[in-house]
């Protein structure tokens, strides 16, 4: 089990690095979007390529950060149900959910999207929009993003099984400090107290 936990730590480090690198593309997408809007309204000029760049950037963030989101346990849960369960029950739900839903779905999408990428790459597929971009980079993002998600799914499965066997503490309880939203709320509270 120690070897598997070492593999899990490597996968976690990979998705941490990818996530922290890729989430900066949100800023790039916002800047491209703002620049595109300014050029469109100020100079009455537009380009489908700039619109497609925004889509590519958003797709990269969404797909490449899926594993990062799973690593940080920030995916959607039904709090009404999960809030009433013990930590062990939640770990069992994660094990079965990963085995029965997450991994089969992610592996299937990764597997089926690879030939779509290969066809787009071989045929030099271009967007059907006038002035559009080459399509294969967007097609490649799907299998790569789901590969990262599959890896993180295996890592989370390893950690949940290790937790259930009593080998590690609860992997969902990470002390990452306050979130950005909590930090902002605290700063606003301090500013209100200072001005009062």
C-alpha atoms as a PDB file:
ATOM      1  CA  UNK A   1       0.000   0.000   0.000  1.00  0.00           C
ATOM      2  CA  UNK A   2       2.953   2.352   0.587  1.00  0.00           C
ATOM      3  CA  UNK A   3       3.861   2.104  -3.098  1.00  0.00           C
ATOM      4  CA  UNK A   4       0.295   2.985  -4.103  1.00  0.00           C
ATOM      5  CA  UNK A   5       0.288   5.944  -1.720  1.00  0.00           C
ATOM      6  CA  UNK A   6       3.561   7.122  -3.323  1.00  0.00           C
ATOM      7  CA  UNK A   7       1.930   6.868  -6.754  1.00  0.00           C
ATOM      8  CA  UNK A   8      -1.048   8.795  -5.373  1.00  0.00           C
ATOM      9  CA  UNK A   9       1.243  11.583  -4.138  1.00  0.00           C
ATOM     10  CA  UNK A  10       2.881  11.804  -7.596  1.00  0.00           C
ATOM     11  CA  UNK A  11      -0.523  12.043  -9.287  1.00  0.00           C
ATOM     12  CA  UNK A  12      -1.603  14.680  -6.758  1.00  0.00           C
ATOM     13  CA  UNK A  13       1.568  16.691  -7.440  1.00  0.00           C
ATOM     14  CA  UNK A  14       0.982  16.468 -11.204  1.00  0.00           C
ATOM     15  CA  UNK A  15      -2.624  17.668 -11.005  1.00  0.00           C
ATOM     16  CA  UNK A  16      -1.660  20.362  -8.488  1.00  0.00           C
ATOM     17  CA  UNK A  17       0.959  21.721 -10.871  1.00  0.00           C
ATOM     18  CA  UNK A  18      -1.304  21.484 -13.928  1.00  0.00           C
ATOM     19  CA  UNK A  19      -4.201  23.128 -12.075  1.00  0.00           C
ATOM     20  CA  UNK A  20      -2.129  25.985 -10.676  1.00  0.00           C
ATOM     21  CA  UNK A  21      -0.665  26.636 -14.111  1.00  0.00           C
ATOM     22  CA  UNK A  22      -3.859  26.319 -16.119  1.00  0.00           C
ATOM     23  CA  UNK A  23      -6.162  28.356 -13.906  1.00  0.00           C
ATOM     24  CA  UNK A  24      -4.250  31.474 -14.991  1.00  0.00           C
ATOM     25  CA  UNK A  25      -5.875  30.959 -18.380  1.00  0.00           C
ATOM     26  CA  UNK A  26      -9.058  32.353 -16.829  1.00  0.00           C
ATOM     27  CA  UNK A  27      -7.342  35.739 -16.629  1.00  0.00           C
ATOM     28  CA  UNK A  28      -6.096  35.384 -20.207  1.00  0.00           C
ATOM     29  CA  UNK A  29      -9.639  34.502 -21.362  1.00  0.00           C
ATOM     30  CA  UNK A  30     -11.056  37.554 -19.591  1.00  0.00           C
ATOM     31  CA  UNK A  31      -8.434  39.830 -21.155  1.00  0.00           C
ATOM     32  CA  UNK A  32      -9.030  38.360 -24.631  1.00  0.00           C
ATOM     33  CA  UNK A  33     -12.783  38.721 -24.159  1.00  0.00           C
ATOM     34  CA  UNK A  34     -12.473  42.330 -22.989  1.00  0.00           C
ATOM     35  CA  UNK A  35     -10.064  43.199 -25.807  1.00  0.00           C
ATOM     36  CA  UNK A  36     -12.340  41.584 -28.354  1.00  0.00           C
ATOM     37  CA  UNK A  37     -15.352  43.537 -27.052  1.00  0.00           C
ATOM     38  CA  UNK A  38     -13.442  46.844 -27.082  1.00  0.00           C
ATOM     39  CA  UNK A  39     -12.225  46.295 -30.650  1.00  0.00           C
ATOM     40  CA  UNK A  40     -15.694  45.211 -31.800  1.00  0.00           C
ATOM     41  CA  UNK A  41     -17.521  48.220 -30.336  1.00  0.00           C
ATOM     42  CA  UNK A  42     -14.841  50.890 -30.662  1.00  0.00           C
ATOM     43  CA  UNK A  43     -13.561  50.037 -34.142  1.00  0.00           C
ATOM     44  CA  UNK A  44     -16.472  48.010 -35.526  1.00  0.00           C
ATOM     45  CA  UNK A  45     -14.143  45.083 -36.245  1.00  0.00           C
ATOM     46  CA  UNK A  46     -14.487  41.497 -35.184  1.00  0.00           C
ATOM     47  CA  UNK A  47     -12.768  38.167 -35.649  1.00  0.00           C
ATOM     48  CA  UNK A  48     -14.073  34.665 -35.201  1.00  0.00           C
ATOM     49  CA  UNK A  49     -10.546  33.596 -34.324  1.00  0.00           C
ATOM     50  CA  UNK A  50     -10.612  35.757 -31.174  1.00  0.00           C
ATOM     51  CA  UNK A  51     -13.964  34.250 -30.163  1.00  0.00           C
ATOM     52  CA  UNK A  52     -12.607  30.758 -30.704  1.00  0.00           C
ATOM     53  CA  UNK A  53      -9.490  31.543 -28.667  1.00  0.00           C
ATOM     54  CA  UNK A  54     -11.825  32.367 -25.759  1.00  0.00           C
ATOM     55  CA  UNK A  55     -13.581  29.017 -26.215  1.00  0.00           C
ATOM     56  CA  UNK A  56     -10.243  27.182 -26.357  1.00  0.00           C
ATOM     57  CA  UNK A  57      -9.038  28.887 -23.191  1.00  0.00           C
ATOM     58  CA  UNK A  58     -12.268  28.117 -21.328  1.00  0.00           C
ATOM     59  CA  UNK A  59     -12.142  24.518 -22.553  1.00  0.00           C
ATOM     60  CA  UNK A  60      -8.548  24.168 -21.356  1.00  0.00           C
ATOM     61  CA  UNK A  61      -9.458  25.438 -17.888  1.00  0.00           C
ATOM     62  CA  UNK A  62     -12.539  23.246 -17.642  1.00  0.00           C
ATOM     63  CA  UNK A  63     -10.871  20.067 -18.913  1.00  0.00           C
ATOM     64  CA  UNK A  64      -7.376  20.354 -17.454  1.00  0.00           C
ATOM     65  CA  UNK A  65      -8.581  21.501 -14.026  1.00  0.00           C
ATOM     66  CA  UNK A  66     -11.100  18.667 -13.546  1.00  0.00           C
ATOM     67  CA  UNK A  67      -8.437  16.542 -11.847  1.00  0.00           C
ATOM     68  CA  UNK A  68      -7.305  19.543  -9.805  1.00  0.00           C
ATOM     69  CA  UNK A  69     -10.905  20.098  -8.663  1.00  0.00           C
ATOM     70  CA  UNK A  70     -11.218  16.450  -7.633  1.00  0.00           C
ATOM     71  CA  UNK A  71      -7.873  16.653  -5.806  1.00  0.00           C
ATOM     72  CA  UNK A  72      -9.167  19.550  -3.710  1.00  0.00           C
ATOM     73  CA  UNK A  73     -12.543  17.870  -3.132  1.00  0.00           C
ATOM     74  CA  UNK A  74     -14.310  20.863  -4.703  1.00  0.00           C
ATOM     75  CA  UNK A  75     -16.634  18.922  -6.968  1.00  0.00           C
ATOM     76  CA  UNK A  76     -20.390  19.085  -6.507  1.00  0.00           C
ATOM     77  CA  UNK A  77     -21.868  17.105  -3.648  1.00  0.00           C
ATOM     78  CA  UNK A  78     -25.392  16.897  -2.344  1.00  0.00           C
ATOM     79  CA  UNK A  79     -24.865  18.490   1.073  1.00  0.00           C
ATOM     80  CA  UNK A  80     -28.322  17.528   2.341  1.00  0.00           C
ATOM     81  CA  UNK A  81     -27.267  13.889   2.103  1.00  0.00           C
ATOM     82  CA  UNK A  82     -23.517  14.031   2.703  1.00  0.00           C
ATOM     83  CA  UNK A  83     -23.828  16.361   5.690  1.00  0.00           C
ATOM     84  CA  UNK A  84     -25.665  13.651   7.627  1.00  0.00           C
ATOM     85  CA  UNK A  85     -23.200  10.831   6.978  1.00  0.00           C
ATOM     86  CA  UNK A  86     -20.100   9.755   8.869  1.00  0.00           C
ATOM     87  CA  UNK A  87     -16.613  10.211   7.377  1.00  0.00           C
ATOM     88  CA  UNK A  88     -16.353   6.449   6.786  1.00  0.00           C
ATOM     89  CA  UNK A  89     -19.720   6.362   5.006  1.00  0.00           C
ATOM     90  CA  UNK A  90     -18.600   9.250   2.790  1.00  0.00           C
ATOM     91  CA  UNK A  91     -15.365   7.385   2.027  1.00  0.00           C
ATOM     92  CA  UNK A  92     -17.350   4.309   0.991  1.00  0.00           C
ATOM     93  CA  UNK A  93     -19.591   6.464  -1.216  1.00  0.00           C
ATOM     94  CA  UNK A  94     -16.457   7.940  -2.821  1.00  0.00           C
ATOM     95  CA  UNK A  95     -15.015   4.448  -3.425  1.00  0.00           C
ATOM     96  CA  UNK A  96     -18.180   3.129  -5.064  1.00  0.00           C
ATOM     97  CA  UNK A  97     -18.834   6.379  -6.929  1.00  0.00           C
ATOM     98  CA  UNK A  98     -15.298   6.373  -8.302  1.00  0.00           C
ATOM     99  CA  UNK A  99     -15.424   2.713  -9.332  1.00  0.00           C
ATOM    100  CA  UNK A 100     -18.956   2.679 -10.741  1.00  0.00           C
ATOM    101  CA  UNK A 101     -19.333   6.170 -12.198  1.00  0.00           C
ATOM    102  CA  UNK A 102     -16.263   8.407 -12.368  1.00  0.00           C
ATOM    103  CA  UNK A 103     -13.686   5.999 -13.791  1.00  0.00           C
ATOM    104  CA  UNK A 104     -15.955   4.225 -16.320  1.00  0.00           C
ATOM    105  CA  UNK A 105     -17.308   7.571 -17.585  1.00  0.00           C
ATOM    106  CA  UNK A 106     -13.907   9.289 -17.773  1.00  0.00           C
ATOM    107  CA  UNK A 107     -12.168   6.297 -19.392  1.00  0.00           C
ATOM    108  CA  UNK A 108     -14.971   5.961 -21.952  1.00  0.00           C
ATOM    109  CA  UNK A 109     -14.858   9.639 -22.908  1.00  0.00           C
ATOM    110  CA  UNK A 110     -11.055   9.579 -23.063  1.00  0.00           C
ATOM    111  CA  UNK A 111     -11.121   6.449 -25.225  1.00  0.00           C
ATOM    112  CA  UNK A 112     -13.822   7.703 -27.599  1.00  0.00           C
ATOM    113  CA  UNK A 113     -12.364  11.200 -27.961  1.00  0.00           C
ATOM    114  CA  UNK A 114      -8.907  10.020 -29.045  1.00  0.00           C
ATOM    115  CA  UNK A 115      -9.973   8.950 -32.585  1.00  0.00           C
ATOM    116  CA  UNK A 116     -11.830  12.269 -32.973  1.00  0.00           C
ATOM    117  CA  UNK A 117      -8.576  14.101 -32.233  1.00  0.00           C
ATOM    118  CA  UNK A 118      -6.602  11.839 -34.598  1.00  0.00           C
ATOM    119  CA  UNK A 119      -9.087  12.465 -37.437  1.00  0.00           C
ATOM    120  CA  UNK A 120      -8.986  16.241 -36.876  1.00  0.00           C
ATOM    121  CA  UNK A 121      -5.184  16.211 -36.793  1.00  0.00           C
ATOM    122  CA  UNK A 122      -4.772  14.055 -39.910  1.00  0.00           C
ATOM    123  CA  UNK A 123      -7.315  16.014 -41.934  1.00  0.00           C
ATOM    124  CA  UNK A 124      -6.024  19.406 -40.738  1.00  0.00           C
ATOM    125  CA  UNK A 125      -9.594  20.249 -39.741  1.00  0.00           C
ATOM    126  CA  UNK A 126     -10.338  23.968 -39.567  1.00  0.00           C
ATOM    127  CA  UNK A 127     -13.284  25.630 -37.889  1.00  0.00           C
ATOM    128  CA  UNK A 128     -16.317  26.122 -40.108  1.00  0.00           C
ATOM    129  CA  UNK A 129     -16.462  29.781 -39.015  1.00  0.00           C
ATOM    130  CA  UNK A 130     -14.888  32.299 -41.351  1.00  0.00           C
ATOM    131  CA  UNK A 131     -11.400  33.093 -40.080  1.00  0.00           C
ATOM    132  CA  UNK A 132     -11.658  30.265 -37.531  1.00  0.00           C
ATOM    133  CA  UNK A 133      -8.813  28.330 -35.976  1.00  0.00           C
ATOM    134  CA  UNK A 134      -7.378  24.868 -36.438  1.00  0.00           C
ATOM    135  CA  UNK A 135      -9.540  22.394 -34.541  1.00  0.00           C
ATOM    136  CA  UNK A 136      -7.127  19.647 -33.480  1.00  0.00           C
ATOM    137  CA  UNK A 137      -5.756  21.466 -30.385  1.00  0.00           C
ATOM    138  CA  UNK A 138      -9.286  21.693 -28.976  1.00  0.00           C
ATOM    139  CA  UNK A 139      -9.921  18.063 -29.840  1.00  0.00           C
ATOM    140  CA  UNK A 140      -6.703  17.043 -28.055  1.00  0.00           C
ATOM    141  CA  UNK A 141      -7.783  18.797 -24.866  1.00  0.00           C
ATOM    142  CA  UNK A 142     -10.616  16.294 -24.323  1.00  0.00           C
ATOM    143  CA  UNK A 143      -8.591  13.063 -24.012  1.00  0.00           C
ATOM    144  CA  UNK A 144      -5.782  14.830 -22.130  1.00  0.00           C
ATOM    145  CA  UNK A 145      -8.202  16.437 -19.662  1.00  0.00           C
ATOM    146  CA  UNK A 146     -10.013  13.170 -19.045  1.00  0.00           C
ATOM    147  CA  UNK A 147      -6.673  11.359 -18.681  1.00  0.00           C
ATOM    148  CA  UNK A 148      -5.770  13.762 -15.873  1.00  0.00           C
ATOM    149  CA  UNK A 149      -9.201  13.135 -14.329  1.00  0.00           C
ATOM    150  CA  UNK A 150      -8.731   9.344 -14.565  1.00  0.00           C
ATOM    151  CA  UNK A 151      -5.335   9.635 -12.882  1.00  0.00           C
ATOM    152  CA  UNK A 152      -6.800  11.737 -10.082  1.00  0.00           C
ATOM    153  CA  UNK A 153      -9.700   9.295  -9.749  1.00  0.00           C
ATOM    154  CA  UNK A 154      -7.202   6.487  -9.143  1.00  0.00           C
ATOM    155  CA  UNK A 155      -5.335   8.659  -6.650  1.00  0.00           C
ATOM    156  CA  UNK A 156      -8.513   9.457  -4.736  1.00  0.00           C
ATOM    157  CA  UNK A 157      -9.486   5.777  -4.758  1.00  0.00           C
ATOM    158  CA  UNK A 158      -6.110   4.823  -3.290  1.00  0.00           C
ATOM    159  CA  UNK A 159      -6.440   7.478  -0.562  1.00  0.00           C
ATOM    160  CA  UNK A 160     -10.010   6.464   0.365  1.00  0.00           C
ATOM    161  CA  UNK A 161      -9.065   2.783   0.630  1.00  0.00           C
ATOM    162  CA  UNK A 162      -5.997   3.669   2.711  1.00  0.00           C
ATOM    163  CA  UNK A 163      -8.223   5.792   4.978  1.00  0.00           C
ATOM    164  CA  UNK A 164     -10.760   2.985   5.376  1.00  0.00           C
ATOM    165  CA  UNK A 165      -7.914   0.615   6.319  1.00  0.00           C
ATOM    166  CA  UNK A 166      -6.708   3.120   8.936  1.00  0.00           C
ATOM    167  CA  UNK A 167      -3.409   3.843   7.197  1.00  0.00           C
ATOM    168  CA  UNK A 168      -3.868   7.590   6.658  1.00  0.00           C
ATOM    169  CA  UNK A 169      -6.053  10.342   8.116  1.00  0.00           C
ATOM    170  CA  UNK A 170      -9.200  11.451   6.286  1.00  0.00           C
ATOM    171  CA  UNK A 171      -7.954  12.743   2.900  1.00  0.00           C
ATOM    172  CA  UNK A 172     -10.873  15.151   2.562  1.00  0.00           C
ATOM    173  CA  UNK A 173      -9.763  17.141   5.608  1.00  0.00           C
ATOM    174  CA  UNK A 174      -6.904  19.188   4.230  1.00  0.00           C
ATOM    175  CA  UNK A 175      -5.843  22.306   6.068  1.00  0.00           C
ATOM    176  CA  UNK A 176      -5.507  24.610   3.089  1.00  0.00           C
ATOM    177  CA  UNK A 177      -6.330  27.726   5.039  1.00  0.00           C
ATOM    178  CA  UNK A 178      -9.151  30.107   4.227  1.00  0.00           C
ATOM    179  CA  UNK A 179     -10.463  30.224   0.673  1.00  0.00           C
ATOM    180  CA  UNK A 180     -10.080  33.344  -1.431  1.00  0.00           C
ATOM    181  CA  UNK A 181     -13.719  34.195  -0.740  1.00  0.00           C
ATOM    182  CA  UNK A 182     -13.143  33.854   3.010  1.00  0.00           C
ATOM    183  CA  UNK A 183     -10.030  36.023   2.797  1.00  0.00           C
ATOM    184  CA  UNK A 184     -11.945  38.705   0.893  1.00  0.00           C
ATOM    185  CA  UNK A 185     -14.799  38.612   3.426  1.00  0.00           C
ATOM    186  CA  UNK A 186     -12.301  39.001   6.262  1.00  0.00           C
ATOM    187  CA  UNK A 187     -10.638  41.992   4.545  1.00  0.00           C
ATOM    188  CA  UNK A 188     -14.012  43.635   3.982  1.00  0.00           C
ATOM    189  CA  UNK A 189     -14.945  43.055   7.646  1.00  0.00           C
ATOM    190  CA  UNK A 190     -11.652  44.639   8.770  1.00  0.00           C
ATOM    191  CA  UNK A 191     -12.220  47.648   6.488  1.00  0.00           C
ATOM    192  CA  UNK A 192     -15.735  48.169   7.864  1.00  0.00           C
ATOM    193  CA  UNK A 193     -14.480  47.978  11.442  1.00  0.00           C
ATOM    194  CA  UNK A 194     -11.654  50.424  10.662  1.00  0.00           C
ATOM    195  CA  UNK A 195     -14.021  52.937   9.055  1.00  0.00           C
ATOM    196  CA  UNK A 196     -16.648  52.672  11.829  1.00  0.00           C
END
